[in-house]
N, C-alpha and C. Protein backbone atom coordinates (compact mmCIF):
# COMPACT_ATOMS: atom_id res chain seq x y z
N MET A 1 19.63 5.25 -4.66
CA MET A 1 18.11 4.21 -4.29
C MET A 1 17.45 4.90 -5.42
N PRO A 2 17.35 4.27 -6.54
CA PRO A 2 16.13 4.27 -7.45
C PRO A 2 14.59 4.57 -7.14
N PHE A 3 14.34 5.45 -7.49
CA PHE A 3 12.93 5.81 -6.91
C PHE A 3 12.29 5.70 -8.67
N THR A 4 11.43 4.75 -8.76
CA THR A 4 10.65 5.04 -10.29
C THR A 4 9.03 4.96 -9.88
N ALA A 5 9.25 5.75 -11.26
CA ALA A 5 7.31 6.46 -11.66
C ALA A 5 6.61 5.51 -11.99
N THR A 6 5.54 5.33 -11.42
CA THR A 6 4.50 4.21 -12.14
C THR A 6 3.67 4.79 -12.89
N GLY A 7 3.61 5.58 -13.73
CA GLY A 7 2.47 6.09 -14.60
C GLY A 7 1.46 6.99 -13.72
N ILE A 8 1.38 7.16 -12.42
CA ILE A 8 0.20 7.50 -11.57
C ILE A 8 0.81 8.54 -11.08
N GLU A 9 0.79 9.82 -10.98
CA GLU A 9 0.99 10.74 -10.43
C GLU A 9 1.36 10.64 -8.78
N GLY A 10 2.45 10.71 -8.37
CA GLY A 10 2.70 10.88 -7.12
C GLY A 10 2.81 9.31 -6.41
N LEU A 11 3.25 7.94 -7.02
CA LEU A 11 2.65 7.01 -6.96
C LEU A 11 4.74 6.06 -7.24
N ILE A 12 5.32 6.28 -6.34
CA ILE A 12 6.45 5.85 -6.17
C ILE A 12 7.06 4.62 -6.36
N VAL A 13 7.67 3.39 -6.65
CA VAL A 13 8.58 2.54 -6.64
C VAL A 13 9.69 2.91 -5.36
N VAL A 14 10.76 2.58 -4.77
CA VAL A 14 11.67 3.15 -4.37
C VAL A 14 11.90 1.60 -4.57
N GLU A 15 13.84 0.89 -4.51
CA GLU A 15 14.23 0.15 -4.62
C GLU A 15 15.72 0.19 -3.53
N PRO A 16 15.73 -0.06 -2.50
CA PRO A 16 17.04 0.79 -1.61
C PRO A 16 18.16 -0.37 -2.62
N ARG A 17 19.47 0.61 -2.19
CA ARG A 17 20.80 -0.01 -2.43
C ARG A 17 20.74 -1.19 -1.14
N VAL A 18 20.85 -2.73 -1.75
CA VAL A 18 20.98 -3.36 -0.72
C VAL A 18 22.95 -4.30 -0.68
N PHE A 19 23.10 -3.98 0.82
CA PHE A 19 24.75 -4.70 0.82
C PHE A 19 24.85 -5.60 1.40
N ALA A 20 24.87 -6.93 0.22
CA ALA A 20 25.40 -8.50 1.13
C ALA A 20 26.31 -8.71 1.14
N ASP A 21 26.79 -9.65 1.65
CA ASP A 21 27.89 -10.64 1.79
C ASP A 21 27.26 -11.88 2.80
N ASP A 22 28.40 -12.62 3.48
CA ASP A 22 28.33 -13.92 3.76
C ASP A 22 27.73 -13.87 5.23
N ARG A 23 27.32 -12.40 5.64
CA ARG A 23 26.68 -12.46 6.90
C ARG A 23 25.15 -12.30 7.05
N GLY A 24 25.18 -11.90 5.67
CA GLY A 24 23.60 -11.16 5.54
C GLY A 24 23.51 -10.16 4.59
N TYR A 25 22.60 -9.04 5.18
CA TYR A 25 22.62 -7.81 3.99
C TYR A 25 22.02 -7.03 4.98
N PHE A 26 22.49 -6.05 4.51
CA PHE A 26 22.25 -4.15 5.02
C PHE A 26 22.01 -3.55 4.01
N TYR A 27 20.13 -2.25 4.61
CA TYR A 27 20.55 -1.29 3.65
C TYR A 27 19.30 -0.20 4.14
N GLU A 28 19.35 0.69 3.54
CA GLU A 28 18.83 1.77 4.56
C GLU A 28 16.98 1.93 4.03
N SER A 29 16.38 1.65 4.83
CA SER A 29 14.80 1.74 4.32
C SER A 29 14.07 2.96 4.11
N TYR A 30 14.80 4.04 4.86
CA TYR A 30 14.52 5.14 4.91
C TYR A 30 15.14 6.15 5.15
N ASN A 31 15.37 7.86 4.65
CA ASN A 31 16.41 8.17 4.54
C ASN A 31 16.00 9.86 3.98
N ALA A 32 15.28 10.75 4.75
CA ALA A 32 14.69 11.81 4.66
C ALA A 32 15.22 12.54 3.65
N GLU A 33 16.50 12.69 3.48
CA GLU A 33 17.64 13.31 2.55
C GLU A 33 17.55 12.72 0.91
N LYS A 34 17.21 11.67 1.03
CA LYS A 34 17.27 10.52 -0.29
C LYS A 34 15.86 10.58 -1.03
N PHE A 35 15.15 10.50 -0.01
CA PHE A 35 13.71 10.53 -0.33
C PHE A 35 13.04 11.93 -0.56
N LYS A 36 14.10 12.80 -0.28
CA LYS A 36 13.33 14.52 -0.76
C LYS A 36 13.63 14.18 -2.03
N ALA A 37 15.06 14.10 -2.19
CA ALA A 37 15.53 13.88 -3.89
C ALA A 37 14.97 13.53 -4.99
N GLY A 38 14.18 12.16 -4.09
CA GLY A 38 12.98 11.07 -5.06
C GLY A 38 12.20 11.72 -4.86
N GLY A 39 11.64 12.67 -5.09
CA GLY A 39 10.49 12.98 -5.41
C GLY A 39 9.22 13.19 -3.85
N ILE A 40 9.57 12.50 -2.79
CA ILE A 40 9.11 11.96 -1.13
C ILE A 40 9.09 12.79 -0.28
N THR A 41 8.49 13.69 -0.02
CA THR A 41 8.49 15.10 0.84
C THR A 41 7.58 14.77 2.21
N ALA A 42 7.01 13.17 2.48
CA ALA A 42 6.30 13.56 3.34
C ALA A 42 7.04 13.37 4.73
N ASP A 43 5.93 13.90 5.73
CA ASP A 43 6.99 14.21 7.10
C ASP A 43 6.16 12.96 7.88
N PHE A 44 6.73 11.80 8.09
CA PHE A 44 6.01 10.51 8.74
C PHE A 44 6.45 11.11 10.17
N ILE A 45 5.14 10.60 10.54
CA ILE A 45 4.90 10.41 11.92
C ILE A 45 4.69 9.22 12.43
N GLN A 46 4.40 7.92 12.20
CA GLN A 46 4.19 6.97 13.00
C GLN A 46 4.49 5.95 12.21
N ASP A 47 5.13 4.64 12.66
CA ASP A 47 5.10 2.95 11.91
C ASP A 47 4.32 2.19 12.42
N ASN A 48 4.03 1.56 11.40
CA ASN A 48 2.75 0.35 11.73
C ASN A 48 3.56 -1.21 11.19
N GLN A 49 3.16 -2.07 11.89
CA GLN A 49 3.38 -3.35 11.49
C GLN A 49 2.24 -4.23 11.60
N ALA A 50 1.93 -5.08 10.73
CA ALA A 50 0.84 -5.98 10.93
C ALA A 50 1.34 -7.54 10.31
N PHE A 51 1.19 -8.55 10.95
CA PHE A 51 1.52 -10.09 11.09
C PHE A 51 0.14 -10.71 9.90
N SER A 52 0.25 -11.30 8.96
CA SER A 52 -1.12 -12.02 8.24
C SER A 52 -0.28 -13.68 7.55
N HIS A 53 -1.40 -14.07 8.13
CA HIS A 53 -0.94 -15.32 7.21
C HIS A 53 -1.59 -15.64 5.77
N TYR A 54 -0.83 -16.73 5.27
CA TYR A 54 -1.70 -16.87 3.51
C TYR A 54 -2.97 -16.66 3.31
N GLY A 55 -3.29 -15.95 2.13
CA GLY A 55 -4.69 -15.73 1.42
C GLY A 55 -5.15 -14.56 2.48
N THR A 56 -4.82 -13.92 3.26
CA THR A 56 -5.31 -12.44 3.81
C THR A 56 -5.23 -11.28 3.18
N VAL A 57 -6.37 -10.59 2.96
CA VAL A 57 -6.62 -9.49 2.08
C VAL A 57 -6.85 -8.66 3.44
N ARG A 58 -6.37 -7.47 2.91
CA ARG A 58 -6.53 -6.57 4.23
C ARG A 58 -6.65 -4.81 2.77
N GLY A 59 -7.63 -4.57 3.05
CA GLY A 59 -8.30 -3.58 2.30
C GLY A 59 -9.63 -3.90 1.33
N LEU A 60 -9.77 -2.73 0.61
CA LEU A 60 -9.40 -1.40 0.03
C LEU A 60 -9.81 -0.37 1.23
N HIS A 61 -8.41 0.38 1.84
CA HIS A 61 -8.72 1.09 2.94
C HIS A 61 -8.39 2.75 2.76
N TYR A 62 -8.69 4.15 3.33
CA TYR A 62 -8.39 4.98 2.97
C TYR A 62 -8.54 5.97 3.99
N GLN A 63 -8.27 7.00 4.47
CA GLN A 63 -8.71 7.95 5.30
C GLN A 63 -8.77 9.30 4.26
N ALA A 64 -9.94 9.57 4.40
CA ALA A 64 -10.96 10.99 3.99
C ALA A 64 -9.97 12.56 4.85
N PRO A 65 -9.91 13.30 4.17
CA PRO A 65 -9.08 14.34 4.68
C PRO A 65 -10.01 15.35 6.10
N PRO A 66 -9.69 15.64 6.59
CA PRO A 66 -8.44 15.95 6.81
C PRO A 66 -7.65 15.12 7.29
N PHE A 67 -8.05 13.88 7.42
CA PHE A 67 -6.86 12.92 8.26
C PHE A 67 -6.58 11.94 6.66
N ALA A 68 -6.59 12.15 5.90
CA ALA A 68 -5.64 11.50 4.43
C ALA A 68 -4.43 11.51 5.15
N GLN A 69 -4.03 10.30 4.62
CA GLN A 69 -2.12 9.77 5.49
C GLN A 69 -1.85 8.90 3.84
N ALA A 70 -0.38 9.50 3.65
CA ALA A 70 0.45 9.00 2.42
C ALA A 70 1.12 7.77 3.53
N LYS A 71 1.44 6.87 2.71
CA LYS A 71 2.27 5.77 3.15
C LYS A 71 3.46 5.76 2.42
N LEU A 72 4.30 5.20 3.12
CA LEU A 72 5.76 4.24 2.55
C LEU A 72 5.49 2.65 2.95
N VAL A 73 5.16 1.57 2.03
CA VAL A 73 5.28 0.44 2.44
C VAL A 73 6.11 -0.79 2.26
N ARG A 74 6.29 -1.40 3.26
CA ARG A 74 7.21 -2.87 2.64
C ARG A 74 7.04 -4.03 3.25
N VAL A 75 7.73 -5.36 3.10
CA VAL A 75 7.73 -6.40 3.32
C VAL A 75 9.02 -6.84 4.12
N VAL A 76 9.05 -7.27 5.62
CA VAL A 76 10.33 -7.65 6.05
C VAL A 76 10.74 -8.73 5.96
N GLN A 77 9.01 -9.65 5.83
CA GLN A 77 9.42 -10.82 5.88
C GLN A 77 8.13 -11.78 5.33
N GLY A 78 8.39 -12.57 3.92
CA GLY A 78 7.35 -13.23 3.44
C GLY A 78 7.18 -12.34 2.16
N LYS A 79 5.50 -12.78 1.19
CA LYS A 79 5.78 -11.63 0.23
C LYS A 79 4.06 -11.35 -0.02
N VAL A 80 3.95 -10.09 -0.44
CA VAL A 80 2.59 -9.82 -0.88
C VAL A 80 2.30 -9.18 -1.78
N LEU A 81 1.12 -8.58 -2.59
CA LEU A 81 1.14 -8.50 -3.46
C LEU A 81 0.53 -6.67 -3.10
N ASP A 82 0.94 -5.95 -3.42
CA ASP A 82 0.05 -4.75 -2.65
C ASP A 82 -0.19 -3.85 -3.79
N VAL A 83 -1.33 -3.30 -3.64
CA VAL A 83 -1.96 -2.41 -4.52
C VAL A 83 -3.09 -1.22 -3.97
N ALA A 84 -2.54 -0.21 -4.69
CA ALA A 84 -3.10 1.41 -4.58
C ALA A 84 -4.12 1.74 -5.59
N VAL A 85 -5.05 2.45 -5.14
CA VAL A 85 -6.23 2.73 -6.32
C VAL A 85 -6.26 4.55 -5.91
N ASP A 86 -6.25 5.06 -7.45
CA ASP A 86 -5.93 6.64 -7.02
C ASP A 86 -7.27 7.28 -7.26
N LEU A 87 -7.71 8.04 -5.64
CA LEU A 87 -9.59 7.90 -5.80
C LEU A 87 -9.21 9.94 -5.67
N ARG A 88 -8.52 10.08 -6.29
CA ARG A 88 -8.75 11.60 -6.26
C ARG A 88 -9.07 12.15 -7.67
N PRO A 89 -10.58 12.94 -7.44
CA PRO A 89 -11.18 13.16 -8.92
C PRO A 89 -10.49 14.02 -9.99
N ALA A 90 -9.77 14.73 -9.62
CA ALA A 90 -9.38 15.68 -10.60
C ALA A 90 -7.58 14.95 -11.16
N SER A 91 -7.52 14.07 -10.57
CA SER A 91 -6.21 13.29 -11.60
C SER A 91 -6.47 12.29 -12.38
N ALA A 92 -5.57 12.43 -13.45
CA ALA A 92 -5.70 12.19 -14.97
C ALA A 92 -5.96 10.68 -15.25
N THR A 93 -5.77 9.93 -13.95
CA THR A 93 -5.35 8.37 -13.76
C THR A 93 -6.15 8.19 -12.35
N TYR A 94 -7.28 9.07 -12.47
CA TYR A 94 -8.70 8.42 -11.70
C TYR A 94 -9.27 7.13 -11.41
N LEU A 95 -9.19 6.01 -10.60
CA LEU A 95 -9.62 5.07 -10.33
C LEU A 95 -8.73 4.17 -10.94
N ARG A 96 -7.24 4.70 -11.54
CA ARG A 96 -6.51 3.43 -12.01
C ARG A 96 -6.32 2.33 -10.74
N VAL A 97 -5.77 1.22 -11.02
CA VAL A 97 -5.17 0.66 -10.00
C VAL A 97 -3.73 0.40 -10.74
N PHE A 98 -2.99 0.17 -9.22
CA PHE A 98 -1.71 -0.35 -9.71
C PHE A 98 -1.76 -1.25 -8.47
N SER A 99 -0.56 -2.59 -9.18
CA SER A 99 -0.33 -3.50 -8.07
C SER A 99 1.00 -3.70 -8.26
N ILE A 100 1.80 -4.12 -7.34
CA ILE A 100 3.50 -4.74 -7.24
C ILE A 100 3.33 -5.66 -6.43
N VAL A 101 4.51 -6.71 -6.52
CA VAL A 101 4.69 -7.60 -5.72
C VAL A 101 5.92 -7.19 -5.14
N LEU A 102 5.77 -6.94 -3.52
CA LEU A 102 6.60 -6.64 -2.61
C LEU A 102 6.82 -8.11 -1.11
N SER A 103 7.99 -7.47 -1.34
CA SER A 103 8.69 -9.12 -0.46
C SER A 103 10.16 -8.95 -0.06
N ALA A 104 10.67 -9.87 1.07
CA ALA A 104 11.85 -9.82 1.88
C ALA A 104 12.25 -9.82 0.99
N GLU A 105 12.66 -10.48 -0.05
CA GLU A 105 13.88 -10.86 -0.93
C GLU A 105 14.17 -9.44 -2.45
N ASN A 106 13.05 -8.94 -2.51
CA ASN A 106 12.99 -7.82 -3.28
C ASN A 106 13.28 -6.39 -2.41
N HIS A 107 13.07 -6.74 -1.62
CA HIS A 107 13.48 -4.88 -0.84
C HIS A 107 12.74 -4.07 -1.08
N LYS A 108 11.97 -4.34 -1.86
CA LYS A 108 10.94 -2.97 -2.77
C LYS A 108 10.12 -2.23 -1.65
N GLN A 109 10.05 -0.90 -2.13
CA GLN A 109 9.06 -0.17 -1.24
C GLN A 109 8.02 0.47 -2.28
N LEU A 110 6.97 0.91 -1.48
CA LEU A 110 5.48 1.72 -3.03
C LEU A 110 5.48 3.05 -1.59
N PHE A 111 5.55 4.30 -2.37
CA PHE A 111 5.05 5.56 -1.56
C PHE A 111 3.61 5.55 -2.33
N VAL A 112 2.65 6.01 -1.21
CA VAL A 112 1.68 5.87 -1.55
C VAL A 112 0.95 7.15 -1.12
N PRO A 113 0.78 8.28 -1.95
CA PRO A 113 0.26 9.35 -1.50
C PRO A 113 -0.87 9.24 -1.13
N ARG A 114 -1.38 10.68 -0.10
CA ARG A 114 -2.51 11.04 0.16
C ARG A 114 -3.71 10.73 -1.27
N GLY A 115 -5.05 10.33 -0.94
CA GLY A 115 -5.91 10.26 -1.97
C GLY A 115 -5.87 9.26 -2.32
N PHE A 116 -5.32 7.99 -1.99
CA PHE A 116 -5.73 6.61 -2.63
C PHE A 116 -6.04 5.91 -1.80
N ALA A 117 -6.95 4.51 -2.19
CA ALA A 117 -7.18 3.47 -1.48
C ALA A 117 -6.07 2.50 -1.23
N HIS A 118 -6.19 1.49 -0.37
CA HIS A 118 -4.56 0.71 -0.47
C HIS A 118 -5.15 -0.62 0.30
N GLY A 119 -4.58 -1.32 -0.12
CA GLY A 119 -4.67 -2.95 0.28
C GLY A 119 -3.79 -3.79 -0.55
N TYR A 120 -3.58 -5.16 0.51
CA TYR A 120 -2.66 -6.17 -0.08
C TYR A 120 -3.00 -7.90 0.11
N SER A 121 -2.40 -8.21 -0.60
CA SER A 121 -2.81 -9.43 -0.15
C SER A 121 -1.52 -10.35 0.31
N VAL A 122 -1.86 -11.30 1.06
CA VAL A 122 -0.40 -12.33 1.51
C VAL A 122 0.00 -13.38 0.44
N LEU A 123 0.52 -13.54 -0.15
CA LEU A 123 1.51 -14.54 -0.75
C LEU A 123 2.17 -15.48 -0.58
N SER A 124 2.71 -15.15 0.73
CA SER A 124 3.05 -16.42 1.06
C SER A 124 2.74 -17.04 2.49
N GLU A 125 3.50 -17.82 3.06
CA GLU A 125 2.79 -18.61 4.35
C GLU A 125 2.37 -17.63 5.31
N SER A 126 3.08 -17.04 5.46
CA SER A 126 2.73 -15.46 6.66
C SER A 126 3.56 -14.08 5.87
N ALA A 127 3.21 -12.93 6.25
CA ALA A 127 4.07 -11.98 6.19
C ALA A 127 4.14 -10.87 6.76
N ILE A 128 5.53 -9.97 7.06
CA ILE A 128 5.61 -9.09 8.09
C ILE A 128 5.34 -8.07 7.09
N PHE A 129 4.76 -7.06 7.27
CA PHE A 129 4.22 -5.51 6.33
C PHE A 129 4.17 -4.64 7.31
N CYS A 130 5.13 -3.98 6.66
CA CYS A 130 5.58 -2.61 7.60
C CYS A 130 5.23 -1.37 7.20
N TYR A 131 4.29 -0.19 7.43
CA TYR A 131 4.62 1.09 6.75
C TYR A 131 4.45 2.39 7.57
N LYS A 132 5.14 3.01 7.39
CA LYS A 132 5.13 4.40 7.68
C LYS A 132 3.86 5.67 7.58
N VAL A 133 3.19 6.44 7.77
CA VAL A 133 2.21 7.35 7.59
C VAL A 133 2.45 8.75 8.00
N ASP A 134 1.87 9.30 7.40
CA ASP A 134 2.18 11.14 7.46
C ASP A 134 1.00 12.10 8.34
N ASN A 135 0.23 11.10 9.27
CA ASN A 135 -1.14 11.76 9.35
C ASN A 135 -1.96 10.47 10.43
N VAL A 136 -2.05 11.19 11.62
CA VAL A 136 -2.81 10.34 12.43
C VAL A 136 -4.01 9.80 12.23
N TYR A 137 -4.30 8.62 12.52
CA TYR A 137 -5.50 7.99 11.89
C TYR A 137 -7.16 8.47 12.98
N SER A 138 -7.87 8.60 12.55
CA SER A 138 -8.63 9.33 12.77
C SER A 138 -10.12 8.05 12.40
N LYS A 139 -10.77 7.15 13.38
CA LYS A 139 -11.86 6.44 12.73
C LYS A 139 -13.24 7.28 11.91
N ALA A 140 -13.15 8.36 12.23
CA ALA A 140 -14.40 9.11 11.63
C ALA A 140 -14.31 9.32 9.87
N SER A 141 -12.56 9.92 9.88
CA SER A 141 -12.64 9.31 8.36
C SER A 141 -11.93 8.15 7.49
N GLU A 142 -12.46 7.40 8.28
CA GLU A 142 -12.09 5.85 7.80
C GLU A 142 -12.96 4.91 6.51
N GLY A 143 -12.61 4.96 5.54
CA GLY A 143 -13.25 4.67 4.74
C GLY A 143 -12.64 3.16 3.80
N GLY A 144 -13.70 2.59 2.79
CA GLY A 144 -13.10 1.47 2.05
C GLY A 144 -13.79 1.45 0.81
N ILE A 145 -13.16 0.14 -0.16
CA ILE A 145 -14.02 0.08 -1.25
C ILE A 145 -13.95 -1.40 -1.25
N PHE A 146 -15.51 -1.88 -1.27
CA PHE A 146 -14.76 -3.54 -1.59
C PHE A 146 -14.22 -4.17 -2.58
N LEU A 147 -13.62 -5.06 -1.80
CA LEU A 147 -12.32 -5.65 -2.58
C LEU A 147 -12.15 -6.36 -3.79
N ASP A 148 -13.53 -6.64 -4.13
CA ASP A 148 -13.58 -7.28 -5.75
C ASP A 148 -14.73 -6.43 -6.18
N ASP A 149 -14.82 -5.22 -6.22
CA ASP A 149 -15.65 -4.56 -6.45
C ASP A 149 -15.12 -4.63 -8.31
N THR A 150 -16.10 -4.46 -8.89
CA THR A 150 -15.72 -4.78 -10.52
C THR A 150 -15.44 -3.98 -10.96
N GLN A 151 -15.43 -2.58 -11.14
CA GLN A 151 -15.10 -1.74 -11.59
C GLN A 151 -13.18 -1.27 -11.55
N LEU A 152 -13.21 -2.14 -10.75
CA LEU A 152 -11.40 -2.37 -10.35
C LEU A 152 -11.08 -3.13 -10.92
N ASN A 153 -11.44 -4.20 -10.67
CA ASN A 153 -11.53 -5.82 -11.56
C ASN A 153 -9.48 -6.45 -10.85
N ILE A 154 -9.68 -6.27 -9.70
CA ILE A 154 -8.28 -6.85 -9.14
C ILE A 154 -8.17 -8.10 -9.22
N ASP A 155 -7.07 -8.36 -9.85
CA ASP A 155 -6.71 -9.93 -9.51
C ASP A 155 -5.59 -10.16 -8.52
N TRP A 156 -6.43 -10.57 -6.63
CA TRP A 156 -5.28 -10.53 -5.57
C TRP A 156 -4.66 -11.52 -5.39
N GLN A 157 -4.55 -12.27 -6.97
CA GLN A 157 -2.98 -13.52 -6.82
C GLN A 157 -3.71 -14.14 -5.33
N VAL A 158 -5.03 -14.42 -5.21
CA VAL A 158 -5.41 -15.77 -4.00
C VAL A 158 -6.35 -16.00 -4.37
N PRO A 159 -6.65 -17.86 -4.81
CA PRO A 159 -8.22 -17.86 -5.23
C PRO A 159 -8.84 -17.47 -3.62
N GLU A 160 -10.35 -17.52 -4.30
CA GLU A 160 -11.31 -17.21 -3.47
C GLU A 160 -11.69 -17.63 -1.95
N ALA A 161 -11.46 -19.09 -2.45
CA ALA A 161 -11.41 -20.27 -1.46
C ALA A 161 -10.86 -20.25 -0.43
N ASP A 162 -9.25 -19.38 -0.72
CA ASP A 162 -8.38 -19.49 0.38
C ASP A 162 -8.00 -18.01 0.90
N ARG A 163 -9.17 -17.04 0.87
CA ARG A 163 -9.08 -15.91 1.44
C ARG A 163 -8.99 -15.74 2.61
N ILE A 164 -8.38 -14.84 3.35
CA ILE A 164 -8.92 -14.53 4.74
C ILE A 164 -9.32 -13.11 4.86
N ILE A 165 -10.61 -12.77 5.10
CA ILE A 165 -10.77 -11.47 5.15
C ILE A 165 -11.73 -11.09 5.99
N SER A 166 -11.67 -9.86 6.75
CA SER A 166 -12.35 -9.57 8.03
C SER A 166 -13.77 -9.36 7.43
N GLU A 167 -14.74 -9.16 8.32
CA GLU A 167 -15.80 -8.91 8.34
C GLU A 167 -16.22 -7.52 7.85
N LYS A 168 -15.58 -6.72 8.49
CA LYS A 168 -15.62 -5.37 7.96
C LYS A 168 -14.67 -5.15 6.46
N ASP A 169 -13.86 -6.04 6.46
CA ASP A 169 -13.84 -5.63 4.79
C ASP A 169 -14.76 -6.18 4.01
N LEU A 170 -15.40 -7.46 4.25
CA LEU A 170 -16.27 -7.96 3.27
C LEU A 170 -17.86 -7.32 3.42
N HIS A 171 -17.76 -6.32 3.96
CA HIS A 171 -19.01 -5.78 4.03
C HIS A 171 -18.43 -3.79 3.60
N LEU A 172 -17.18 -3.50 3.06
CA LEU A 172 -17.08 -2.49 2.41
C LEU A 172 -18.12 -2.40 0.91
N PRO A 173 -18.25 -1.16 0.91
CA PRO A 173 -19.31 -0.43 -0.56
C PRO A 173 -18.32 -0.74 -1.69
N ALA A 174 -19.44 -0.79 -2.42
CA ALA A 174 -18.74 -0.80 -4.14
C ALA A 174 -18.54 0.50 -4.56
N LEU A 175 -17.56 0.75 -5.05
CA LEU A 175 -17.57 2.45 -5.56
C LEU A 175 -18.63 3.30 -6.35
N GLY A 176 -19.92 2.05 -6.66
CA GLY A 176 -20.90 2.99 -7.16
C GLY A 176 -22.03 3.53 -6.29
N GLN A 177 -21.66 2.77 -4.64
CA GLN A 177 -22.28 3.15 -3.61
C GLN A 177 -22.06 3.94 -2.59
N HIS A 178 -21.23 4.82 -3.38
CA HIS A 178 -19.93 6.12 -2.21
C HIS A 178 -19.21 6.45 -3.27
N VAL A 179 -19.20 7.71 -3.04
CA VAL A 179 -17.84 8.70 -3.65
C VAL A 179 -17.09 8.78 -2.60
N PRO A 180 -15.82 8.56 -2.57
CA PRO A 180 -14.95 9.26 -1.68
C PRO A 180 -14.25 10.60 -1.78
N ALA A 181 -14.77 10.92 -0.85
CA ALA A 181 -14.08 12.46 -0.56
C ALA A 181 -12.65 12.71 -0.44
N HIS A 182 -11.71 13.52 -1.57
CA HIS A 182 -10.22 12.76 -1.67
C HIS A 182 -10.23 14.73 -2.03
């Protein structure tokens, strides 16, 4: 199971070994021992799943300390553009954006450490997005950055006219309007 560095400390692409035959396929999506050997030591406590239609953009969201969350994200149906933004002020890659296509076909996963904003856009007709987290959710620690922040310049790969965005996400502040506490 290869664990590939992204150039941003702690942000890791995971490519499980897939065993396919005429019946279908099998793969381990998570194995604590193998992940630890690959540099991922988060103690995951909860699994979440979201279904979305084409054009949906979710994010950019984060949880501030002490409720910051590391995530292991993957897609079990469809295809998404997954985006992570380094919000750790002391990091050499502060505010660097990383994006990757995750799909049911490529089986890739992304480990997003604590201290990142995260979001994704649905590129297929629909998608089922699954993720593990290592900390509980706290409404009081919830934060976000406007998805079209000009400092980040993210190409969500969905035309603006086709985007489906929640009211909450449409009104998230730009980076200059707040400083995330990470």
